[in-house]
Amino acid sequence: MLNEIIEYLNPQSGQVFVDGTANGGGHTFAMAERVVPNGKVVAIEWDAEIASNLELKVKSSKLKENIKVVNDNYVNLKDILESLKIEKIDGMVLDLGFSSLHLESSGRGFSFQKDEPLDMRYAQDQELTAYEIVNGWPEEDIARILRDYGEERFAYRIAKTIYDQRKREKIATTNDLVKVVEMAVPAFYKRGKINCATRTFQALRIAVNRELDNIEKVLPQIVEALNSKGKIAVISFHSLEDRIIKNFFREKAKEESAGGRIKIITKKPIIASEDEMRENPCSRSAKLRVAEKI
């Protein structure tokens, strides 16, 4: 949703923006092109490998003076801005979809279509892994994250089967986990439109990376950092994320305290165009919400 992001944020020469989920730099470069010659885009990327690749891309571009790549988690926004001596920003984008690189070449077990170790960490210095959850957490805690983070209807059956199977042998790889899920769910569920392990993998990824907690923690920091008329744009990909963003925007829009209120720009979430959906099927579930600081 690059075009929509640029339209709503409307970067201008000399302004300062943050791309909280820089990935390959699509949003970063598009914003940087519009803030030249003296503006700045802070590109935050949690994955060290992706951040390093983006740094090389920036250094070889004509926009190297306008982009600052930071290998960190966007949840640390306040500290990041302070370290860069940036007091206020004119806008920030969060694209909460995880990188295709994680699916295709990370080797960290994000995809159930490849046989890889159960890791699922965005950053390798994190302690918690999917392996630890699956093989060490209590059955009821596994059921809870499958239910709450994956909205998995068979959460308790899957958790019980995981618990029973790991007593016999460790569940070490993605293929191991898929087999356990297939053992747990009824036959009709395995014939559904999406793979029966999809929600389990989603739930584990969210739990490992504390994705929902991080969203809740960063949103107030963004509002605090924005200049008056500054905008926040967030692209979410499932209902749990979207609900957090929608509720936060509504709550902040009701606040009376000066400097704390925002105006909701998108009364309903913006969805990807038909052309983008054809080119990028993953965008079908994307929802963009935008708000402006008053």
C-alpha atoms as a PDB file:
ATOM      1  CA  MET A   1       0.000   0.000   0.000  1.00  0.00           C
ATOM      2  CA  LEU A   2       2.862   2.321  -0.873  1.00  0.00           C
ATOM      3  CA  ASN A   3       0.768   4.811  -2.826  1.00  0.00           C
ATOM      4  CA  GLU A   4      -1.770   5.084  -0.020  1.00  0.00           C
ATOM      5  CA  ILE A   5       0.936   5.629   2.595  1.00  0.00           C
ATOM      6  CA  ILE A   6       2.513   8.452   0.605  1.00  0.00           C
ATOM      7  CA  GLU A   7      -0.873  10.018  -0.076  1.00  0.00           C
ATOM      8  CA  TYR A   8      -1.892  10.103   3.589  1.00  0.00           C
ATOM      9  CA  LEU A   9       1.463  10.978   5.149  1.00  0.00           C
ATOM     10  CA  ASN A  10       2.213  13.503   2.385  1.00  0.00           C
ATOM     11  CA  PRO A  11       5.952  13.940   3.134  1.00  0.00           C
ATOM     12  CA  GLN A  12       7.361  17.382   2.347  1.00  0.00           C
ATOM     13  CA  SER A  13      10.864  18.764   1.926  1.00  0.00           C
ATOM     14  CA  GLY A  14      12.702  19.167   5.222  1.00  0.00           C
ATOM     15  CA  GLN A  15      10.362  16.994   7.285  1.00  0.00           C
ATOM     16  CA  VAL A  16      11.319  14.045   9.498  1.00  0.00           C
ATOM     17  CA  PHE A  17       9.618  10.656   9.230  1.00  0.00           C
ATOM     18  CA  VAL A  18      10.046   7.217  10.770  1.00  0.00           C
ATOM     19  CA  ASP A  19       9.554   3.881   9.054  1.00  0.00           C
ATOM     20  CA  GLY A  20       9.133   1.599  12.050  1.00  0.00           C
ATOM     21  CA  THR A  21       9.233  -1.597   9.992  1.00  0.00           C
ATOM     22  CA  ALA A  22      11.730  -0.789   7.249  1.00  0.00           C
ATOM     23  CA  ASN A  23      12.280  -4.278   5.804  1.00  0.00           C
ATOM     24  CA  GLY A  24      13.539  -3.781   2.224  1.00  0.00           C
ATOM     25  CA  GLY A  25      13.054  -0.028   2.363  1.00  0.00           C
ATOM     26  CA  GLY A  26      10.023   0.458   0.115  1.00  0.00           C
ATOM     27  CA  HIS A  27       8.305   3.010   2.315  1.00  0.00           C
ATOM     28  CA  THR A  28      11.637   4.398   3.505  1.00  0.00           C
ATOM     29  CA  PHE A  29      12.930   5.370   0.058  1.00  0.00           C
ATOM     30  CA  ALA A  30       9.554   6.664  -1.123  1.00  0.00           C
ATOM     31  CA  MET A  31       9.376   9.031   1.855  1.00  0.00           C
ATOM     32  CA  ALA A  32      13.045  10.019   1.596  1.00  0.00           C
ATOM     33  CA  GLU A  33      12.598  11.064  -2.041  1.00  0.00           C
ATOM     34  CA  ARG A  34      10.012  13.591  -0.882  1.00  0.00           C
ATOM     35  CA  VAL A  35      11.854  15.106   2.101  1.00  0.00           C
ATOM     36  CA  VAL A  36      15.058  16.028   0.241  1.00  0.00           C
ATOM     37  CA  PRO A  37      17.315  17.925   0.472  1.00  0.00           C
ATOM     38  CA  ASN A  38      17.312  18.457   4.239  1.00  0.00           C
ATOM     39  CA  GLY A  39      14.675  16.036   5.530  1.00  0.00           C
ATOM     40  CA  LYS A  40      15.304  12.714   7.230  1.00  0.00           C
ATOM     41  CA  VAL A  41      13.766   9.238   7.350  1.00  0.00           C
ATOM     42  CA  VAL A  42      14.686   6.976  10.265  1.00  0.00           C
ATOM     43  CA  ALA A  43      14.404   3.377   9.055  1.00  0.00           C
ATOM     44  CA  ILE A  44      13.990   0.971  11.992  1.00  0.00           C
ATOM     45  CA  GLU A  45      14.523  -2.730  11.289  1.00  0.00           C
ATOM     46  CA  TRP A  46      14.623  -5.372  14.031  1.00  0.00           C
ATOM     47  CA  ASP A  47      16.222  -8.167  12.024  1.00  0.00           C
ATOM     48  CA  ALA A  48      19.999  -7.567  11.927  1.00  0.00           C
ATOM     49  CA  GLU A  49      20.481  -9.297   8.571  1.00  0.00           C
ATOM     50  CA  ILE A  50      17.720  -7.304   6.875  1.00  0.00           C
ATOM     51  CA  ALA A  51      18.968  -4.083   8.500  1.00  0.00           C
ATOM     52  CA  SER A  52      22.498  -4.749   7.217  1.00  0.00           C
ATOM     53  CA  ASN A  53      21.244  -5.336   3.675  1.00  0.00           C
ATOM     54  CA  LEU A  54      19.182  -2.149   3.831  1.00  0.00           C
ATOM     55  CA  GLU A  55      22.214  -0.203   5.090  1.00  0.00           C
ATOM     56  CA  LEU A  56      24.199  -1.321   2.044  1.00  0.00           C
ATOM     57  CA  LYS A  57      21.331  -0.328  -0.228  1.00  0.00           C
ATOM     58  CA  VAL A  58      21.124   3.119   1.380  1.00  0.00           C
ATOM     59  CA  LYS A  59      24.880   3.732   1.167  1.00  0.00           C
ATOM     60  CA  SER A  60      24.860   3.093  -2.569  1.00  0.00           C
ATOM     61  CA  SER A  61      21.876   5.404  -3.203  1.00  0.00           C
ATOM     62  CA  LYS A  62      21.584   9.136  -3.798  1.00  0.00           C
ATOM     63  CA  LEU A  63      19.493   9.344  -0.600  1.00  0.00           C
ATOM     64  CA  LYS A  64      22.214   8.184   1.811  1.00  0.00           C
ATOM     65  CA  GLU A  65      22.263  11.581   3.551  1.00  0.00           C
ATOM     66  CA  ASN A  66      18.511  11.471   4.106  1.00  0.00           C
ATOM     67  CA  ILE A  67      18.103   7.948   5.530  1.00  0.00           C
ATOM     68  CA  LYS A  68      19.328   6.646   8.867  1.00  0.00           C
ATOM     69  CA  VAL A  69      19.044   2.862   9.321  1.00  0.00           C
ATOM     70  CA  VAL A  70      18.647   1.670  12.907  1.00  0.00           C
ATOM     71  CA  ASN A  71      18.822  -2.008  13.865  1.00  0.00           C
ATOM     72  CA  ASP A  72      16.343  -2.069  16.735  1.00  0.00           C
ATOM     73  CA  ASN A  73      12.751  -2.815  17.662  1.00  0.00           C
ATOM     74  CA  TYR A  74      10.212  -0.055  17.015  1.00  0.00           C
ATOM     75  CA  VAL A  75       8.977  -0.544  20.574  1.00  0.00           C
ATOM     76  CA  ASN A  76      12.088   1.414  21.600  1.00  0.00           C
ATOM     77  CA  LEU A  77      11.032   4.441  19.542  1.00  0.00           C
ATOM     78  CA  LYS A  78      11.493   7.018  22.303  1.00  0.00           C
ATOM     79  CA  ASP A  79      15.053   5.891  23.041  1.00  0.00           C
ATOM     80  CA  ILE A  80      15.905   5.680  19.335  1.00  0.00           C
ATOM     81  CA  LEU A  81      14.783   9.248  18.681  1.00  0.00           C
ATOM     82  CA  GLU A  82      16.619  10.522  21.753  1.00  0.00           C
ATOM     83  CA  SER A  83      19.830   8.811  20.632  1.00  0.00           C
ATOM     84  CA  LEU A  84      19.516  10.557  17.254  1.00  0.00           C
ATOM     85  CA  LYS A  85      18.710  13.885  18.948  1.00  0.00           C
ATOM     86  CA  ILE A  86      15.348  14.045  17.184  1.00  0.00           C
ATOM     87  CA  GLU A  87      12.727  15.796  19.315  1.00  0.00           C
ATOM     88  CA  LYS A  88       9.685  15.561  17.056  1.00  0.00           C
ATOM     89  CA  ILE A  89       8.661  13.799  13.864  1.00  0.00           C
ATOM     90  CA  ASP A  90       6.163  14.639  11.146  1.00  0.00           C
ATOM     91  CA  GLY A  91       4.888  11.130  10.614  1.00  0.00           C
ATOM     92  CA  MET A  92       5.458   7.428  11.110  1.00  0.00           C
ATOM     93  CA  VAL A  93       4.445   4.272   9.282  1.00  0.00           C
ATOM     94  CA  LEU A  94       4.167   0.768  10.712  1.00  0.00           C
ATOM     95  CA  ASP A  95       3.701  -2.048   8.213  1.00  0.00           C
ATOM     96  CA  LEU A  96       2.968  -5.001  10.482  1.00  0.00           C
ATOM     97  CA  GLY A  97       3.225  -7.691   7.832  1.00  0.00           C
ATOM     98  CA  PHE A  98       6.291  -9.851   8.378  1.00  0.00           C
ATOM     99  CA  SER A  99       8.932  -9.982   5.677  1.00  0.00           C
ATOM    100  CA  SER A 100       8.756 -12.471   2.816  1.00  0.00           C
ATOM    101  CA  LEU A 101      12.463 -12.997   3.510  1.00  0.00           C
ATOM    102  CA  HIS A 102      11.517 -14.617   6.809  1.00  0.00           C
ATOM    103  CA  LEU A 103       9.341 -17.098   4.954  1.00  0.00           C
ATOM    104  CA  GLU A 104      11.628 -17.761   2.039  1.00  0.00           C
ATOM    105  CA  SER A 105      15.205 -17.722   3.261  1.00  0.00           C
ATOM    106  CA  SER A 106      15.582 -17.099   6.988  1.00  0.00           C
ATOM    107  CA  GLY A 107      15.691 -20.777   7.965  1.00  0.00           C
ATOM    108  CA  ARG A 108      13.916 -19.907  11.226  1.00  0.00           C
ATOM    109  CA  GLY A 109      10.723 -21.900  10.871  1.00  0.00           C
ATOM    110  CA  PHE A 110       8.238 -19.180   9.961  1.00  0.00           C
ATOM    111  CA  SER A 111       6.669 -21.285   7.203  1.00  0.00           C
ATOM    112  CA  PHE A 112       4.941 -24.625   7.571  1.00  0.00           C
ATOM    113  CA  GLN A 113       5.825 -25.306   3.926  1.00  0.00           C
ATOM    114  CA  LYS A 114       9.507 -25.849   4.721  1.00  0.00           C
ATOM    115  CA  ASP A 115      11.164 -28.212   7.185  1.00  0.00           C
ATOM    116  CA  GLU A 116      13.145 -25.876   9.440  1.00  0.00           C
ATOM    117  CA  PRO A 117      14.000 -25.583  13.146  1.00  0.00           C
ATOM    118  CA  LEU A 118      11.236 -24.166  15.342  1.00  0.00           C
ATOM    119  CA  ASP A 119      12.708 -20.728  15.990  1.00  0.00           C
ATOM    120  CA  MET A 120      10.453 -17.891  14.708  1.00  0.00           C
ATOM    121  CA  ARG A 121      12.554 -15.070  16.203  1.00  0.00           C
ATOM    122  CA  TYR A 122      12.816 -11.863  14.191  1.00  0.00           C
ATOM    123  CA  ALA A 123      16.009 -10.990  16.068  1.00  0.00           C
ATOM    124  CA  GLN A 124      18.485 -13.687  17.023  1.00  0.00           C
ATOM    125  CA  ASP A 125      19.359 -12.049  20.354  1.00  0.00           C
ATOM    126  CA  GLN A 126      15.868 -12.790  21.660  1.00  0.00           C
ATOM    127  CA  GLU A 127      15.729 -15.556  24.240  1.00  0.00           C
ATOM    128  CA  LEU A 128      12.298 -17.089  23.620  1.00  0.00           C
ATOM    129  CA  THR A 129      11.838 -19.427  20.649  1.00  0.00           C
ATOM    130  CA  ALA A 130       8.910 -21.396  19.274  1.00  0.00           C
ATOM    131  CA  TYR A 131      10.780 -24.570  20.239  1.00  0.00           C
ATOM    132  CA  GLU A 132      10.800 -23.488  23.879  1.00  0.00           C
ATOM    133  CA  ILE A 133       7.070 -22.746  23.863  1.00  0.00           C
ATOM    134  CA  VAL A 134       6.097 -25.986  22.151  1.00  0.00           C
ATOM    135  CA  ASN A 135       8.358 -28.221  24.215  1.00  0.00           C
ATOM    136  CA  GLY A 136       8.419 -26.428  27.548  1.00  0.00           C
ATOM    137  CA  TRP A 137       5.319 -24.391  28.227  1.00  0.00           C
ATOM    138  CA  PRO A 138       2.365 -25.829  30.184  1.00  0.00           C
ATOM    139  CA  GLU A 139      -0.445 -27.243  28.093  1.00  0.00           C
ATOM    140  CA  GLU A 140      -2.909 -24.569  29.255  1.00  0.00           C
ATOM    141  CA  ASP A 141      -0.518 -21.749  28.261  1.00  0.00           C
ATOM    142  CA  ILE A 142      -0.072 -23.190  24.794  1.00  0.00           C
ATOM    143  CA  ALA A 143      -3.836 -23.477  24.442  1.00  0.00           C
ATOM    144  CA  ARG A 144      -4.209 -19.858  25.534  1.00  0.00           C
ATOM    145  CA  ILE A 145      -1.852 -18.431  22.919  1.00  0.00           C
ATOM    146  CA  LEU A 146      -3.357 -20.605  20.178  1.00  0.00           C
ATOM    147  CA  ARG A 147      -6.795 -19.331  21.162  1.00  0.00           C
ATOM    148  CA  ASP A 148      -5.904 -15.684  21.787  1.00  0.00           C
ATOM    149  CA  TYR A 149      -3.203 -15.064  19.184  1.00  0.00           C
ATOM    150  CA  GLY A 150      -4.247 -17.531  16.500  1.00  0.00           C
ATOM    151  CA  GLU A 151      -8.002 -17.495  17.073  1.00  0.00           C
ATOM    152  CA  GLU A 152      -7.693 -21.239  16.622  1.00  0.00           C
ATOM    153  CA  ARG A 153     -10.981 -23.061  17.157  1.00  0.00           C
ATOM    154  CA  PHE A 154      -9.217 -26.312  18.064  1.00  0.00           C
ATOM    155  CA  ALA A 155      -6.689 -24.667  20.384  1.00  0.00           C
ATOM    156  CA  TYR A 156      -7.261 -27.046  23.295  1.00  0.00           C
ATOM    157  CA  ARG A 157      -7.114 -30.180  21.152  1.00  0.00           C
ATOM    158  CA  ILE A 158      -3.893 -29.047  19.504  1.00  0.00           C
ATOM    159  CA  ALA A 159      -2.320 -28.059  22.838  1.00  0.00           C
ATOM    160  CA  LYS A 160      -3.179 -31.434  24.371  1.00  0.00           C
ATOM    161  CA  THR A 161      -1.728 -33.293  21.392  1.00  0.00           C
ATOM    162  CA  ILE A 162       1.446 -31.188  21.564  1.00  0.00           C
ATOM    163  CA  TYR A 163       1.737 -32.003  25.272  1.00  0.00           C
ATOM    164  CA  ASP A 164       1.213 -35.730  24.697  1.00  0.00           C
ATOM    165  CA  GLN A 165       3.579 -35.954  21.723  1.00  0.00           C
ATOM    166  CA  ARG A 166       6.455 -34.044  23.314  1.00  0.00           C
ATOM    167  CA  LYS A 167       6.543 -36.562  26.176  1.00  0.00           C
ATOM    168  CA  ARG A 168       7.452 -39.183  23.600  1.00  0.00           C
ATOM    169  CA  GLU A 169       9.806 -37.095  21.478  1.00  0.00           C
ATOM    170  CA  LYS A 170      10.734 -33.421  21.173  1.00  0.00           C
ATOM    171  CA  ILE A 171       8.866 -31.421  18.546  1.00  0.00           C
ATOM    172  CA  ALA A 172      11.936 -29.884  16.913  1.00  0.00           C
ATOM    173  CA  THR A 173      10.998 -28.802  13.393  1.00  0.00           C
ATOM    174  CA  THR A 174       8.167 -27.206  11.473  1.00  0.00           C
ATOM    175  CA  ASN A 175       7.298 -30.543   9.896  1.00  0.00           C
ATOM    176  CA  ASP A 176       7.105 -32.130  13.346  1.00  0.00           C
ATOM    177  CA  LEU A 177       4.646 -29.450  14.445  1.00  0.00           C
ATOM    178  CA  VAL A 178       2.511 -29.702  11.315  1.00  0.00           C
ATOM    179  CA  LYS A 179       2.165 -33.451  11.860  1.00  0.00           C
ATOM    180  CA  VAL A 180       1.053 -32.872  15.450  1.00  0.00           C
ATOM    181  CA  VAL A 181      -1.564 -30.337  14.366  1.00  0.00           C
ATOM    182  CA  GLU A 182      -2.837 -32.736  11.711  1.00  0.00           C
ATOM    183  CA  MET A 183      -3.179 -35.449  14.366  1.00  0.00           C
ATOM    184  CA  ALA A 184      -5.178 -33.108  16.594  1.00  0.00           C
ATOM    185  CA  VAL A 185      -7.776 -31.616  14.254  1.00  0.00           C
ATOM    186  CA  PRO A 186     -10.741 -33.288  12.549  1.00  0.00           C
ATOM    187  CA  ALA A 187     -10.551 -34.417   8.916  1.00  0.00           C
ATOM    188  CA  PHE A 188     -12.774 -31.632   7.554  1.00  0.00           C
ATOM    189  CA  TYR A 189     -10.457 -29.016   9.059  1.00  0.00           C
ATOM    190  CA  LYS A 190      -7.514 -30.436   7.142  1.00  0.00           C
ATOM    191  CA  ARG A 191      -9.469 -29.950   3.918  1.00  0.00           C
ATOM    192  CA  GLY A 192     -10.178 -26.269   4.565  1.00  0.00           C
ATOM    193  CA  LYS A 193      -9.188 -23.283   2.420  1.00  0.00           C
ATOM    194  CA  ILE A 194      -6.138 -22.577   4.562  1.00  0.00           C
ATOM    195  CA  ASN A 195      -3.619 -25.048   5.919  1.00  0.00           C
ATOM    196  CA  CYS A 196      -4.773 -26.406   9.268  1.00  0.00           C
ATOM    197  CA  ALA A 197      -1.458 -25.333  10.852  1.00  0.00           C
ATOM    198  CA  THR A 198      -1.724 -21.688   9.717  1.00  0.00           C
ATOM    199  CA  ARG A 199      -3.233 -20.316  12.908  1.00  0.00           C
ATOM    200  CA  THR A 200      -0.894 -22.310  15.130  1.00  0.00           C
ATOM    201  CA  PHE A 201       2.145 -20.893  13.345  1.00  0.00           C
ATOM    202  CA  GLN A 202       0.679 -17.382  13.518  1.00  0.00           C
ATOM    203  CA  ALA A 203       0.057 -17.690  17.242  1.00  0.00           C
ATOM    204  CA  LEU A 204       3.554 -18.954  17.981  1.00  0.00           C
ATOM    205  CA  ARG A 205       5.169 -16.196  15.892  1.00  0.00           C
ATOM    206  CA  ILE A 206       3.163 -13.526  17.706  1.00  0.00           C
ATOM    207  CA  ALA A 207       4.024 -14.997  21.112  1.00  0.00           C
ATOM    208  CA  VAL A 208       7.741 -15.380  20.383  1.00  0.00           C
ATOM    209  CA  ASN A 209       8.113 -11.797  19.146  1.00  0.00           C
ATOM    210  CA  ARG A 210       5.582 -10.219  21.542  1.00  0.00           C
ATOM    211  CA  GLU A 211       3.990  -8.582  18.514  1.00  0.00           C
ATOM    212  CA  LEU A 212       0.732  -7.442  20.075  1.00  0.00           C
ATOM    213  CA  ASP A 213       2.434  -6.167  23.241  1.00  0.00           C
ATOM    214  CA  ASN A 214       4.878  -4.201  21.102  1.00  0.00           C
ATOM    215  CA  ILE A 215       2.075  -2.544  19.126  1.00  0.00           C
ATOM    216  CA  GLU A 216       0.337  -1.486  22.333  1.00  0.00           C
ATOM    217  CA  LYS A 217       3.584  -0.071  23.724  1.00  0.00           C
ATOM    218  CA  VAL A 218       4.673   1.886  20.656  1.00  0.00           C
ATOM    219  CA  LEU A 219       1.400   3.628  19.754  1.00  0.00           C
ATOM    220  CA  PRO A 220       1.509   6.089  22.699  1.00  0.00           C
ATOM    221  CA  GLN A 221       5.179   6.773  21.947  1.00  0.00           C
ATOM    222  CA  ILE A 222       4.328   7.677  18.364  1.00  0.00           C
ATOM    223  CA  VAL A 223       1.618  10.127  19.384  1.00  0.00           C
ATOM    224  CA  GLU A 224       3.988  11.716  21.893  1.00  0.00           C
ATOM    225  CA  ALA A 225       6.707  12.090  19.249  1.00  0.00           C
ATOM    226  CA  LEU A 226       4.484  13.620  16.556  1.00  0.00           C
ATOM    227  CA  ASN A 227       4.457  17.293  15.733  1.00  0.00           C
ATOM    228  CA  SER A 228       1.084  18.985  15.549  1.00  0.00           C
ATOM    229  CA  LYS A 229      -0.540  17.813  12.289  1.00  0.00           C
ATOM    230  CA  GLY A 230       1.862  14.874  12.229  1.00  0.00           C
ATOM    231  CA  LYS A 231       0.368  11.577  11.087  1.00  0.00           C
ATOM    232  CA  ILE A 232       0.563   7.939  12.089  1.00  0.00           C
ATOM    233  CA  ALA A 233      -0.211   5.254   9.490  1.00  0.00           C
ATOM    234  CA  VAL A 234      -0.480   1.592  10.443  1.00  0.00           C
ATOM    235  CA  ILE A 235      -0.986  -1.370   8.115  1.00  0.00           C
ATOM    236  CA  SER A 236      -2.259  -4.474   9.915  1.00  0.00           C
ATOM    237  CA  PHE A 237      -2.837  -7.966   8.572  1.00  0.00           C
ATOM    238  CA  HIS A 238      -5.132  -9.703  11.021  1.00  0.00           C
ATOM    239  CA  SER A 239      -8.000  -8.798  13.285  1.00  0.00           C
ATOM    240  CA  LEU A 240      -6.008  -8.825  16.531  1.00  0.00           C
ATOM    241  CA  GLU A 241      -3.653  -6.102  15.303  1.00  0.00           C
ATOM    242  CA  ASP A 242      -6.424  -4.077  13.718  1.00  0.00           C
ATOM    243  CA  ARG A 243      -8.503  -4.179  16.896  1.00  0.00           C
ATOM    244  CA  ILE A 244      -5.636  -2.769  18.973  1.00  0.00           C
ATOM    245  CA  ILE A 245      -5.057   0.065  16.506  1.00  0.00           C
ATOM    246  CA  LYS A 246      -8.743   0.895  16.109  1.00  0.00           C
ATOM    247  CA  ASN A 247      -9.349   0.984  19.858  1.00  0.00           C
ATOM    248  CA  PHE A 248      -6.240   3.084  20.520  1.00  0.00           C
ATOM    249  CA  PHE A 249      -7.219   5.635  17.874  1.00  0.00           C
ATOM    250  CA  ARG A 250     -10.726   5.870  19.296  1.00  0.00           C
ATOM    251  CA  GLU A 251      -9.496   6.318  22.866  1.00  0.00           C
ATOM    252  CA  LYS A 252      -6.959   8.984  21.929  1.00  0.00           C
ATOM    253  CA  ALA A 253      -9.533  10.812  19.801  1.00  0.00           C
ATOM    254  CA  LYS A 254     -11.721  11.189  22.910  1.00  0.00           C
ATOM    255  CA  GLU A 255      -9.009  12.628  25.139  1.00  0.00           C
ATOM    256  CA  GLU A 256      -9.377  16.234  26.231  1.00  0.00           C
ATOM    257  CA  SER A 257      -5.812  16.962  27.338  1.00  0.00           C
ATOM    258  CA  ALA A 258      -3.920  19.324  25.033  1.00  0.00           C
ATOM    259  CA  GLY A 259      -1.338  17.641  22.862  1.00  0.00           C
ATOM    260  CA  GLY A 260      -2.682  14.190  23.524  1.00  0.00           C
ATOM    261  CA  ARG A 261      -5.613  14.090  21.170  1.00  0.00           C
ATOM    262  CA  ILE A 262      -5.634  12.775  17.630  1.00  0.00           C
ATOM    263  CA  LYS A 263      -8.067  13.045  14.759  1.00  0.00           C
ATOM    264  CA  ILE A 264      -8.935   9.825  12.945  1.00  0.00           C
ATOM    265  CA  ILE A 265      -8.390  10.346   9.214  1.00  0.00           C
ATOM    266  CA  THR A 266      -9.657   6.967   8.005  1.00  0.00           C
ATOM    267  CA  LYS A 267     -13.128   6.404   9.432  1.00  0.00           C
ATOM    268  CA  LYS A 268     -12.974   2.906   7.953  1.00  0.00           C
ATOM    269  CA  PRO A 269      -9.782   1.006   7.210  1.00  0.00           C
ATOM    270  CA  ILE A 270      -8.368   1.391   3.714  1.00  0.00           C
ATOM    271  CA  ILE A 271      -7.806  -1.854   1.826  1.00  0.00           C
ATOM    272  CA  ALA A 272      -5.427  -2.582  -1.043  1.00  0.00           C
ATOM    273  CA  SER A 273      -6.476  -1.845  -4.612  1.00  0.00           C
ATOM    274  CA  GLU A 274      -7.528  -4.668  -6.894  1.00  0.00           C
ATOM    275  CA  ASP A 275      -4.333  -4.230  -8.914  1.00  0.00           C
ATOM    276  CA  GLU A 276      -2.163  -4.600  -5.826  1.00  0.00           C
ATOM    277  CA  MET A 277      -4.125  -7.638  -4.685  1.00  0.00           C
ATOM    278  CA  ARG A 278      -3.473  -9.283  -8.041  1.00  0.00           C
ATOM    279  CA  GLU A 279       0.243  -8.476  -7.909  1.00  0.00           C
ATOM    280  CA  ASN A 280       0.625  -9.256  -4.211  1.00  0.00           C
ATOM    281  CA  PRO A 281      -1.964 -11.731  -2.858  1.00  0.00           C
ATOM    282  CA  CYS A 282      -0.726 -11.140   0.720  1.00  0.00           C
ATOM    283  CA  SER A 283      -2.156  -7.610   0.529  1.00  0.00           C
ATOM    284  CA  ARG A 284      -5.705  -9.004   0.486  1.00  0.00           C
ATOM    285  CA  SER A 285      -5.824  -8.976   4.281  1.00  0.00           C
ATOM    286  CA  ALA A 286      -4.081  -5.602   4.711  1.00  0.00           C
ATOM    287  CA  LYS A 287      -5.923  -2.767   6.469  1.00  0.00           C
ATOM    288  CA  LEU A 288      -4.562   0.764   6.693  1.00  0.00           C
ATOM    289  CA  ARG A 289      -5.627   3.157   9.441  1.00  0.00           C
ATOM    290  CA  VAL A 290      -4.370   6.752   9.650  1.00  0.00           C
ATOM    291  CA  ALA A 291      -4.670   9.388  12.378  1.00  0.00           C
ATOM    292  CA  GLU A 292      -3.390  12.941  12.778  1.00  0.00           C
ATOM    293  CA  LYS A 293      -2.143  14.598  15.936  1.00  0.00           C
ATOM    294  CA  ILE A 294      -4.088  17.727  16.802  1.00  0.00           C
END
